[in-house]
Amino acid sequence: MKSSEKNLPSDPLAGISIRELGKKFRNGLVSCKDITSIYYERIRILNPYLHAYIYTDDNQGLTWADGIDKLFSCGVDLGPLMGIPVAIKDICSVNEMPTTNGSQINSDDITGPEGNLVRRLKSLGCVILGKTHTVEFALGATGLNKHRGTPKNPWDEKIHRMPGGSSSGSAVAVASGLAAFAIGTDTGGSVRIPASLNGIVGLKTTKNRWPTDGIFPLSPTLDTPGPIARNVKDTKLIFNTYNGTIINQKPIKLDRMTFGKLKEPFTSNLDPEVKEAYEIACDKLKNLGVTIEDIIIIEANEKATLFPAIVGSEIISAFGIDRFNKNVEKMDPVTGNRAKLGLKVSSFEYIKAKNRVLELENIIGKYFTKYDALISPTTVMQALEVDKSIIGGELHERSLLASANTQPVNIFGLCGISFPIHNLLNNKNNKTLPIGLQIICGKNEDEKAVEIALALENYLGEPILPDVSKFL
């Protein structure tokens, strides 16, 4: 055992939930400052290997934690998230912390000042540990960032694998026990993809359920912030507490539900292990009494034209055409090439694409009069090797399929949650990389999606986390 491993403090959430950690805080068994100090020590030891964070400030975080302790000692209880440390994706402004948007290009003025999402977390008593790595301007599903660095997927200490993007650092931080939970954003899968590839849970909220001010406006039409957590139980607590809708809802009855099992294009190009885990998960659902019917939604293929037309146009709009043209060649080549697609989009094509999104929302919404949820693999692949996923790499084209199953959810105006299912595979050597099941519900049915995932978690068990001591 290496000396650094001996000194790695235990994860404050080891074996317990966020709610239970909150109870320990309330019962005086641990202070917010104690919890925060442990996370900072874990970050100090592990972040040089994992690169989840691009910025932390121990003094600022511990000062805030001390203030939380003093508030509580005076009888102020801000709710279940009081005293819980959180990581924030570095496209979100936080007072007294820099915002790079994952880029070397100065763009914090586009992001703007601290917004309502971060202010709400602070008002609930959360401690902001720092800012996590992101794909440049959140425009990318692999998690790779040529200029600011790519976090390391914690499931493989020997090979640098894709963390998934664009909320790469947020997912790595949560999976590695470097934050109790994290905030990501999802424009085409950027919460669900890294959650899937890191073996944790990511919730893509319905548009406008959570505010986007103070967040880099990659696509005001499609941007949706959401929580990344180690399990569904914690996700439910975070989402309900944030929304102020803490209710004692009875567990959902899966045996009374009907799911649409998405076929092509959602089952095209699947890794063999992803396909196997998906089929096993569907069989498990059937055993629970869920009625599952195969369905094909051909409109999902429209993502190929709608996504670049909308996102490409809107990121150029955020910069302004002159500023964009001046800086685009300084961007990561993948980001720059995707953004430049917007230069070829006319105003007519942009408006047409926006109108089609509204039409699709109505068309796809009708599926939820019959189905309680739609399901698919979250990503078609497991985490690929970074060296093979870069431009020119033998798996570069395949790596670009990371968002193939998630983009339609944004285009259709739905919500979705990714839940780990790789543990369903009979792998005696425990070498299986994470695989996610995507559970999709209708517009503003976020609570329902979480409850379905929670029922599945209660049946299958909570996700198993990677052994990060192997990095030391």
Protein backbone atom coordinates (compact mmCIF):
# COMPACT_ATOMS: atom_id res chain seq x y z
CA MET A 1 0.00 0.00 0.00
CA LYS A 2 1.38 3.36 -1.02
CA SER A 3 1.71 6.12 1.55
CA SER A 4 -0.78 8.33 -0.31
CA GLU A 5 -3.34 5.51 -0.20
CA LYS A 6 -2.93 5.24 3.57
CA ASN A 7 -3.73 8.91 3.90
CA LEU A 8 -6.80 8.93 1.64
CA PRO A 9 -9.75 9.64 3.93
CA SER A 10 -12.88 7.56 3.50
CA ASP A 11 -15.62 8.88 1.25
CA PRO A 12 -18.12 10.72 3.52
CA LEU A 13 -20.91 8.93 1.62
CA ALA A 14 -19.42 5.45 1.90
CA GLY A 15 -22.34 3.14 2.61
CA ILE A 16 -24.83 5.94 3.29
CA SER A 17 -27.10 8.31 1.39
CA ILE A 18 -27.02 12.10 1.25
CA ARG A 19 -30.06 12.14 3.53
CA GLU A 20 -28.22 9.98 6.07
CA LEU A 21 -25.13 12.21 5.86
CA GLY A 22 -27.43 15.16 6.52
CA LYS A 23 -28.80 13.41 9.60
CA LYS A 24 -25.27 12.89 10.91
CA PHE A 25 -24.71 16.62 10.44
CA ARG A 26 -27.93 17.45 12.27
CA ASN A 27 -27.17 15.07 15.13
CA GLY A 28 -23.80 16.69 15.71
CA LEU A 29 -21.83 13.60 14.67
CA VAL A 30 -20.00 15.54 11.98
CA SER A 31 -19.78 19.21 11.07
CA CYS A 32 -20.11 20.72 7.62
CA LYS A 33 -16.52 21.87 7.95
CA ASP A 34 -15.45 18.28 8.71
CA ILE A 35 -17.28 16.94 5.66
CA THR A 36 -15.90 19.65 3.42
CA SER A 37 -12.35 19.13 4.70
CA ILE A 38 -12.55 15.43 3.88
CA TYR A 39 -13.67 16.15 0.33
CA TYR A 40 -10.88 18.67 -0.17
CA GLU A 41 -8.32 16.15 1.10
CA ARG A 42 -9.66 13.50 -1.28
CA ILE A 43 -9.50 16.06 -4.09
CA ARG A 44 -5.92 16.97 -3.15
CA ILE A 45 -4.85 13.33 -3.36
CA LEU A 46 -6.93 12.04 -6.29
CA ASN A 47 -7.45 15.01 -8.59
CA PRO A 48 -3.86 14.91 -9.92
CA TYR A 49 -4.73 11.47 -11.32
CA LEU A 50 -8.36 12.01 -12.31
CA HIS A 51 -8.46 15.71 -13.29
CA ALA A 52 -12.13 16.04 -12.34
CA TYR A 53 -11.72 19.62 -11.08
CA ILE A 54 -10.28 22.53 -12.98
CA TYR A 55 -10.56 24.86 -9.97
CA THR A 56 -10.97 24.53 -6.21
CA ASP A 57 -10.54 27.01 -3.37
CA ASP A 58 -10.14 25.35 0.02
CA ASN A 59 -10.19 28.62 1.91
CA GLN A 60 -13.40 29.82 0.30
CA GLY A 61 -15.12 26.45 0.69
CA LEU A 62 -14.09 25.95 4.30
CA THR A 63 -15.08 29.50 5.19
CA TRP A 64 -18.51 28.84 3.70
CA ALA A 65 -18.72 25.50 5.56
CA ASP A 66 -17.86 27.21 8.83
CA GLY A 67 -20.66 29.68 8.18
CA ILE A 68 -23.09 26.80 7.60
CA ASP A 69 -22.07 25.29 10.95
CA LYS A 70 -22.64 28.61 12.72
CA LEU A 71 -26.06 29.01 11.10
CA PHE A 72 -27.11 25.57 12.24
CA SER A 73 -25.80 26.16 15.76
CA CYS A 74 -28.09 29.20 15.87
CA GLY A 75 -31.12 27.05 15.05
CA VAL A 76 -31.28 27.67 11.30
CA ASP A 77 -32.05 24.52 9.29
CA LEU A 78 -32.06 25.10 5.52
CA GLY A 79 -33.27 21.62 4.64
CA PRO A 80 -31.93 18.18 3.65
CA LEU A 81 -29.05 19.53 1.55
CA MET A 82 -27.70 21.80 4.28
CA GLY A 83 -24.01 21.04 4.83
CA ILE A 84 -23.68 18.94 1.67
CA PRO A 85 -20.73 19.79 -0.64
CA VAL A 86 -21.40 19.99 -4.39
CA ALA A 87 -19.27 20.34 -7.54
CA ILE A 88 -20.30 22.76 -10.30
CA LYS A 89 -19.63 22.32 -14.01
CA ASP A 90 -17.33 25.03 -15.29
CA ILE A 91 -19.85 26.59 -17.65
CA CYS A 92 -21.79 27.85 -14.61
CA SER A 93 -20.79 31.08 -12.93
CA VAL A 94 -19.99 30.98 -9.22
CA ASN A 95 -19.11 34.17 -7.37
CA GLU A 96 -15.37 34.51 -6.69
CA MET A 97 -14.54 31.52 -8.92
CA PRO A 98 -13.25 31.76 -12.49
CA THR A 99 -15.36 30.46 -15.39
CA THR A 100 -13.38 29.10 -18.34
CA ASN A 101 -16.20 27.27 -20.17
CA GLY A 102 -13.55 24.63 -20.84
CA SER A 103 -11.76 26.97 -23.22
CA GLN A 104 -8.65 29.09 -23.51
CA ILE A 105 -10.81 31.75 -25.13
CA ASN A 106 -12.02 34.41 -22.72
CA SER A 107 -15.80 33.97 -22.66
CA ASP A 108 -16.93 34.44 -19.07
CA ASP A 109 -18.79 37.60 -20.07
CA ILE A 110 -21.05 35.46 -22.26
CA THR A 111 -21.81 33.19 -19.32
CA GLY A 112 -22.63 36.18 -17.17
CA PRO A 113 -22.87 36.53 -13.39
CA GLU A 114 -23.85 33.83 -10.92
CA GLY A 115 -27.33 32.61 -11.77
CA ASN A 116 -30.39 31.34 -9.96
CA LEU A 117 -29.35 27.69 -9.98
CA VAL A 118 -26.15 28.25 -8.00
CA ARG A 119 -27.83 30.82 -5.77
CA ARG A 120 -30.58 28.31 -4.99
CA LEU A 121 -28.02 25.65 -4.02
CA LYS A 122 -26.32 28.12 -1.72
CA SER A 123 -29.64 29.07 -0.15
CA LEU A 124 -30.21 25.38 0.61
CA GLY A 125 -26.92 25.29 2.54
CA CYS A 126 -24.74 23.52 -0.03
CA VAL A 127 -21.01 24.19 -0.07
CA ILE A 128 -19.51 24.80 -3.51
CA LEU A 129 -16.28 22.77 -3.63
CA GLY A 130 -15.13 24.06 -6.98
CA LYS A 131 -15.54 23.92 -10.75
CA THR A 132 -15.31 20.70 -12.75
CA HIS A 133 -13.84 20.11 -16.18
CA THR A 134 -16.08 20.29 -19.23
CA VAL A 135 -15.81 19.86 -22.95
CA GLU A 136 -15.13 23.25 -24.50
CA PHE A 137 -18.35 25.30 -24.43
CA ALA A 138 -20.16 22.06 -23.48
CA LEU A 139 -20.22 21.08 -27.15
CA GLY A 140 -19.16 17.45 -27.16
CA ALA A 141 -20.25 14.03 -25.89
CA THR A 142 -16.92 12.25 -25.47
CA GLY A 143 -15.55 14.37 -22.63
CA LEU A 144 -12.32 15.08 -24.52
CA ASN A 145 -10.81 18.56 -24.24
CA LYS A 146 -7.58 19.21 -26.11
CA HIS A 147 -6.73 22.51 -24.41
CA ARG A 148 -7.98 22.21 -20.83
CA GLY A 149 -7.45 18.49 -20.39
CA THR A 150 -9.65 15.39 -20.28
CA PRO A 151 -10.67 13.83 -16.95
CA LYS A 152 -9.84 10.16 -16.51
CA ASN A 153 -12.67 7.66 -16.29
CA PRO A 154 -12.17 6.15 -12.80
CA TRP A 155 -13.14 2.65 -13.93
CA ASP A 156 -9.76 2.01 -15.56
CA GLU A 157 -6.58 3.00 -13.77
CA LYS A 158 -4.35 1.71 -16.59
CA ILE A 159 -5.96 3.12 -19.73
CA HIS A 160 -7.21 6.69 -20.15
CA ARG A 161 -10.83 6.17 -21.21
CA MET A 162 -13.53 8.62 -22.20
CA PRO A 163 -15.29 10.17 -19.21
CA GLY A 164 -18.22 11.20 -21.40
CA GLY A 165 -19.26 14.76 -21.97
CA SER A 166 -19.80 17.39 -21.78
CA SER A 167 -20.21 17.25 -17.98
CA SER A 168 -17.09 15.11 -17.77
CA GLY A 169 -15.52 16.36 -14.55
CA SER A 170 -18.84 16.44 -12.71
CA ALA A 171 -19.43 12.74 -13.34
CA VAL A 172 -15.85 11.75 -12.52
CA ALA A 173 -16.00 13.75 -9.28
CA VAL A 174 -19.18 12.00 -8.13
CA ALA A 175 -18.09 8.50 -9.17
CA SER A 176 -14.75 8.99 -7.40
CA GLY A 177 -16.12 10.37 -4.15
CA LEU A 178 -14.81 13.88 -4.76
CA ALA A 179 -18.23 15.49 -4.23
CA ALA A 180 -21.52 14.42 -2.72
CA PHE A 181 -23.21 15.33 -5.98
CA ALA A 182 -22.57 17.59 -8.94
CA ILE A 183 -24.34 19.88 -11.35
CA GLY A 184 -24.10 19.25 -15.07
CA THR A 185 -25.91 20.55 -18.12
CA ASP A 186 -27.57 18.55 -20.86
CA THR A 187 -28.09 19.96 -24.36
CA GLY A 188 -27.80 16.67 -26.24
CA GLY A 189 -26.98 14.19 -23.48
CA SER A 190 -24.27 15.93 -21.47
CA VAL A 191 -25.60 14.78 -18.09
CA ARG A 192 -26.74 11.29 -19.10
CA ILE A 193 -23.70 10.32 -21.19
CA PRO A 194 -21.00 10.87 -18.51
CA ALA A 195 -23.32 9.35 -15.91
CA SER A 196 -23.64 6.27 -18.09
CA LEU A 197 -19.92 5.95 -18.81
CA ASN A 198 -18.99 6.46 -15.14
CA GLY A 199 -21.58 4.09 -13.67
CA ILE A 200 -23.68 6.64 -11.79
CA VAL A 201 -27.02 8.43 -12.21
CA GLY A 202 -27.74 11.53 -14.30
CA LEU A 203 -31.07 13.33 -14.66
CA LYS A 204 -31.88 15.36 -17.76
CA THR A 205 -34.61 17.71 -16.63
CA THR A 206 -37.44 19.02 -18.76
CA LYS A 207 -36.62 22.38 -20.33
CA ASN A 208 -37.31 25.27 -17.90
CA ARG A 209 -37.67 23.07 -14.82
CA TRP A 210 -34.29 24.44 -13.68
CA PRO A 211 -33.01 27.92 -14.64
CA THR A 212 -30.22 28.50 -17.15
CA ASP A 213 -29.15 32.07 -16.34
CA GLY A 214 -25.51 32.20 -15.30
CA ILE A 215 -24.79 29.20 -17.56
CA PHE A 216 -22.98 29.44 -20.91
CA PRO A 217 -25.79 29.62 -23.52
CA LEU A 218 -24.72 26.82 -25.84
CA SER A 219 -28.32 26.43 -26.99
CA PRO A 220 -31.09 28.36 -25.23
CA THR A 221 -33.54 26.13 -27.11
CA LEU A 222 -32.16 22.85 -25.74
CA ASP A 223 -30.01 23.58 -22.65
CA THR A 224 -31.18 21.85 -19.46
CA PRO A 225 -29.23 21.72 -16.16
CA GLY A 226 -29.49 18.62 -14.01
CA PRO A 227 -28.00 16.73 -11.07
CA ILE A 228 -25.42 13.96 -11.25
CA ALA A 229 -25.42 11.67 -8.22
CA ARG A 230 -24.16 8.28 -7.17
CA ASN A 231 -27.62 6.71 -7.00
CA VAL A 232 -31.29 7.40 -7.66
CA LYS A 233 -32.11 7.80 -3.97
CA ASP A 234 -29.78 10.80 -3.78
CA THR A 235 -31.02 12.12 -7.13
CA LYS A 236 -34.59 12.17 -5.85
CA LEU A 237 -33.59 14.05 -2.69
CA ILE A 238 -31.60 16.63 -4.68
CA PHE A 239 -34.30 17.20 -7.29
CA ASN A 240 -37.21 17.43 -4.85
CA THR A 241 -35.33 19.59 -2.36
CA TYR A 242 -34.20 21.98 -5.06
CA ASN A 243 -37.76 22.25 -6.36
CA GLY A 244 -39.22 22.64 -2.87
CA THR A 245 -41.58 19.73 -3.53
CA ILE A 246 -40.65 17.32 -0.78
CA ILE A 247 -43.54 14.88 -0.62
CA ASN A 248 -43.98 11.44 0.90
CA GLN A 249 -44.98 9.75 -2.32
CA LYS A 250 -45.78 6.04 -2.19
CA PRO A 251 -43.35 3.82 -4.12
CA ILE A 252 -44.33 3.51 -7.75
CA LYS A 253 -45.84 0.22 -8.93
CA LEU A 254 -43.89 -0.99 -11.94
CA ASP A 255 -46.19 -3.97 -12.47
CA ARG A 256 -48.93 -1.60 -13.56
CA MET A 257 -46.81 0.12 -16.19
CA THR A 258 -46.21 -0.18 -19.90
CA PHE A 259 -42.83 0.72 -21.40
CA GLY A 260 -41.93 1.33 -25.01
CA LYS A 261 -38.70 -0.49 -25.82
CA LEU A 262 -36.98 1.69 -28.40
CA LYS A 263 -35.59 -0.16 -31.39
CA GLU A 264 -33.71 1.36 -34.34
CA PRO A 265 -31.99 3.79 -34.39
CA PHE A 266 -31.52 3.41 -30.62
CA THR A 267 -30.30 -0.18 -30.97
CA SER A 268 -28.03 0.45 -33.94
CA ASN A 269 -24.26 0.12 -33.43
CA LEU A 270 -24.49 -1.30 -29.90
CA ASP A 271 -21.42 -2.78 -28.22
CA PRO A 272 -22.10 -6.49 -27.55
CA GLU A 273 -22.00 -5.96 -23.79
CA VAL A 274 -24.34 -2.96 -24.03
CA LYS A 275 -26.81 -5.03 -26.03
CA GLU A 276 -26.61 -7.92 -23.57
CA ALA A 277 -27.08 -5.70 -20.51
CA TYR A 278 -30.01 -3.92 -22.18
CA GLU A 279 -31.80 -7.19 -22.94
CA ILE A 280 -31.21 -8.48 -19.41
CA ALA A 281 -32.58 -5.23 -17.98
CA CYS A 282 -35.70 -5.57 -20.13
CA ASP A 283 -36.15 -9.15 -18.94
CA LYS A 284 -35.81 -7.98 -15.33
CA LEU A 285 -38.50 -5.37 -15.94
CA LYS A 286 -40.78 -8.02 -17.42
CA ASN A 287 -40.20 -10.18 -14.34
CA LEU A 288 -41.42 -7.25 -12.27
CA GLY A 289 -44.63 -7.22 -14.27
CA VAL A 290 -43.83 -4.36 -16.63
CA THR A 291 -45.48 -4.65 -20.02
CA ILE A 292 -42.83 -3.98 -22.68
CA GLU A 293 -43.60 -3.33 -26.32
CA ASP A 294 -41.08 -2.79 -29.11
CA ILE A 295 -41.48 0.56 -30.86
CA ILE A 296 -39.69 2.46 -33.59
CA ILE A 297 -39.69 6.26 -33.58
CA ILE A 298 -38.40 7.24 -36.98
CA GLU A 299 -38.36 10.93 -36.02
CA ALA A 300 -35.32 10.20 -33.85
CA ASN A 301 -33.26 10.28 -37.04
CA GLU A 302 -34.05 13.98 -37.42
CA LYS A 303 -31.47 14.77 -34.75
CA ALA A 304 -28.84 14.62 -37.48
CA THR A 305 -30.22 17.77 -39.12
CA LEU A 306 -32.00 19.57 -36.27
CA PHE A 307 -29.23 19.49 -33.69
CA PRO A 308 -26.46 21.13 -35.77
CA ALA A 309 -28.89 23.65 -37.25
CA ILE A 310 -30.08 24.82 -33.84
CA VAL A 311 -26.99 24.42 -31.67
CA GLY A 312 -24.57 25.64 -34.33
CA SER A 313 -26.62 28.76 -34.93
CA GLU A 314 -27.15 29.50 -31.24
CA ILE A 315 -23.52 29.18 -30.14
CA ILE A 316 -22.51 31.57 -32.95
CA SER A 317 -25.25 33.92 -31.79
CA ALA A 318 -23.87 33.77 -28.24
CA PHE A 319 -20.47 34.94 -29.46
CA GLY A 320 -21.59 37.25 -32.22
CA ILE A 321 -20.43 36.48 -35.75
CA ASP A 322 -17.29 38.67 -35.71
CA ARG A 323 -16.10 37.39 -32.35
CA PHE A 324 -16.85 33.81 -33.37
CA ASN A 325 -14.92 34.03 -36.63
CA LYS A 326 -11.98 35.60 -34.79
CA ASN A 327 -11.81 32.78 -32.23
CA VAL A 328 -13.11 29.62 -33.87
CA GLU A 329 -9.67 28.43 -35.00
CA LYS A 330 -8.47 28.66 -31.39
CA MET A 331 -11.11 26.15 -30.29
CA ASP A 332 -10.63 22.44 -29.84
CA PRO A 333 -10.91 21.11 -33.42
CA VAL A 334 -13.94 18.93 -32.62
CA THR A 335 -15.74 21.81 -30.93
CA GLY A 336 -14.79 24.27 -33.64
CA ASN A 337 -15.89 22.00 -36.47
CA ARG A 338 -19.25 21.35 -34.84
CA ALA A 339 -19.82 25.02 -34.11
CA LYS A 340 -18.88 26.07 -37.64
CA LEU A 341 -21.80 24.06 -39.00
CA GLY A 342 -23.93 26.98 -37.84
CA LEU A 343 -22.26 29.22 -40.41
CA LYS A 344 -23.98 27.24 -43.15
CA VAL A 345 -27.45 27.60 -41.63
CA SER A 346 -29.67 30.34 -43.04
CA SER A 347 -32.18 32.20 -40.88
CA PHE A 348 -34.92 30.36 -42.77
CA GLU A 349 -33.37 26.96 -41.96
CA TYR A 350 -32.90 27.91 -38.31
CA ILE A 351 -36.51 28.98 -37.87
CA LYS A 352 -37.69 25.89 -39.74
CA ALA A 353 -35.65 23.69 -37.37
CA LYS A 354 -37.03 25.48 -34.30
CA ASN A 355 -40.58 25.02 -35.57
CA ARG A 356 -39.93 21.36 -36.25
CA VAL A 357 -38.82 20.89 -32.63
CA LEU A 358 -42.19 22.25 -31.51
CA GLU A 359 -43.96 19.89 -33.89
CA LEU A 360 -41.95 16.93 -32.63
CA GLU A 361 -42.81 17.79 -29.04
CA ASN A 362 -46.48 17.30 -29.90
CA ILE A 363 -45.90 14.22 -32.07
CA ILE A 364 -43.74 12.38 -29.54
CA GLY A 365 -45.83 13.55 -26.61
CA LYS A 366 -48.65 11.33 -27.85
CA TYR A 367 -46.58 8.23 -27.11
CA PHE A 368 -46.98 8.97 -23.43
CA THR A 369 -50.74 8.54 -23.58
CA LYS A 370 -49.97 4.82 -24.04
CA TYR A 371 -46.54 4.35 -22.49
CA ASP A 372 -45.45 5.29 -18.99
CA ALA A 373 -41.86 5.49 -20.20
CA LEU A 374 -39.60 4.76 -23.14
CA ILE A 375 -36.34 2.90 -22.59
CA SER A 376 -33.07 2.49 -24.48
CA PRO A 377 -29.36 2.09 -23.79
CA THR A 378 -28.04 5.51 -22.73
CA THR A 379 -24.93 5.18 -24.87
CA VAL A 380 -24.32 2.68 -27.64
CA MET A 381 -20.80 2.01 -26.38
CA GLN A 382 -18.82 1.67 -23.19
CA ALA A 383 -15.99 4.10 -22.46
CA LEU A 384 -13.57 4.10 -25.39
CA GLU A 385 -9.85 4.74 -25.12
CA VAL A 386 -9.05 8.45 -25.37
CA ASP A 387 -6.02 7.93 -27.63
CA LYS A 388 -8.20 6.08 -30.12
CA SER A 389 -11.04 8.62 -29.92
CA ILE A 390 -9.15 11.76 -30.91
CA ILE A 391 -9.25 13.13 -34.45
CA GLY A 392 -7.36 10.64 -36.60
CA GLY A 393 -7.80 7.86 -34.05
CA GLU A 394 -9.17 4.52 -35.18
CA LEU A 395 -12.31 4.94 -33.03
CA HIS A 396 -12.89 8.66 -33.59
CA GLU A 397 -15.98 8.19 -35.73
CA ARG A 398 -17.43 5.70 -33.27
CA SER A 399 -16.76 8.04 -30.36
CA LEU A 400 -19.01 10.61 -32.04
CA LEU A 401 -21.93 8.20 -31.55
CA ALA A 402 -21.82 8.82 -27.79
CA SER A 403 -24.85 11.13 -28.06
CA ALA A 404 -26.77 9.05 -30.63
CA ASN A 405 -29.37 7.86 -28.10
CA THR A 406 -29.56 10.98 -25.98
CA GLN A 407 -29.96 13.82 -28.49
CA PRO A 408 -33.51 12.80 -29.49
CA VAL A 409 -34.70 13.32 -25.91
CA ASN A 410 -33.63 16.98 -26.09
CA ILE A 411 -35.08 17.44 -29.57
CA PHE A 412 -38.40 15.93 -28.41
CA GLY A 413 -38.60 18.15 -25.30
CA LEU A 414 -38.66 15.20 -22.88
CA CYS A 415 -36.93 14.31 -19.62
CA GLY A 416 -34.74 11.29 -19.00
CA ILE A 417 -32.56 9.57 -16.44
CA SER A 418 -29.61 7.23 -16.87
CA PHE A 419 -29.30 4.30 -14.47
CA PRO A 420 -26.30 1.89 -14.37
CA ILE A 421 -26.98 -1.71 -15.47
CA HIS A 422 -23.52 -3.17 -16.11
CA ASN A 423 -23.75 -5.15 -12.88
CA LEU A 424 -26.40 -7.31 -14.57
CA LEU A 425 -23.71 -8.96 -16.68
CA ASN A 426 -22.27 -12.16 -15.32
CA ASN A 427 -18.66 -11.02 -15.25
CA LYS A 428 -16.69 -12.94 -12.64
CA ASN A 429 -13.60 -10.76 -13.03
CA ASN A 430 -15.60 -7.54 -12.45
CA LYS A 431 -13.95 -6.03 -15.52
CA THR A 432 -17.12 -4.74 -17.16
CA LEU A 433 -17.08 -1.02 -17.82
CA PRO A 434 -20.24 0.94 -16.96
CA ILE A 435 -23.39 0.71 -19.09
CA GLY A 436 -26.46 2.92 -18.67
CA LEU A 437 -30.18 2.33 -19.15
CA GLN A 438 -32.02 5.44 -20.31
CA ILE A 439 -35.52 5.90 -18.90
CA ILE A 440 -37.44 8.57 -20.80
CA CYS A 441 -40.67 10.21 -19.65
CA GLY A 442 -42.91 12.93 -21.02
CA LYS A 443 -42.54 16.67 -20.74
CA ASN A 444 -42.55 17.77 -17.07
CA GLU A 445 -42.75 14.16 -15.88
CA ASP A 446 -39.33 14.40 -14.25
CA GLU A 447 -40.62 13.15 -10.90
CA LYS A 448 -42.11 10.11 -12.60
CA ALA A 449 -38.83 9.30 -14.35
CA VAL A 450 -37.02 9.48 -11.01
CA GLU A 451 -39.61 7.28 -9.30
CA ILE A 452 -39.38 4.64 -12.02
CA ALA A 453 -35.59 4.62 -11.76
CA LEU A 454 -35.85 4.43 -7.96
CA ALA A 455 -38.14 1.41 -8.17
CA LEU A 456 -35.60 -0.23 -10.47
CA GLU A 457 -32.78 0.65 -8.08
CA ASN A 458 -34.70 -0.81 -5.15
CA TYR A 459 -35.04 -4.04 -7.13
CA LEU A 460 -31.55 -4.30 -8.62
CA GLY A 461 -29.55 -2.57 -5.89
CA GLU A 462 -27.60 0.67 -5.80
CA PRO A 463 -24.75 1.21 -8.28
CA ILE A 464 -21.33 -0.13 -7.38
CA LEU A 465 -18.65 2.57 -7.48
CA PRO A 466 -15.11 2.21 -8.86
CA ASP A 467 -12.16 1.48 -6.60
CA VAL A 468 -10.20 4.72 -6.90
CA SER A 469 -7.47 3.50 -4.54
CA LYS A 470 -6.04 1.75 -7.62
CA PHE A 471 -4.91 5.15 -8.88
CA LEU A 472 -2.63 5.70 -5.89
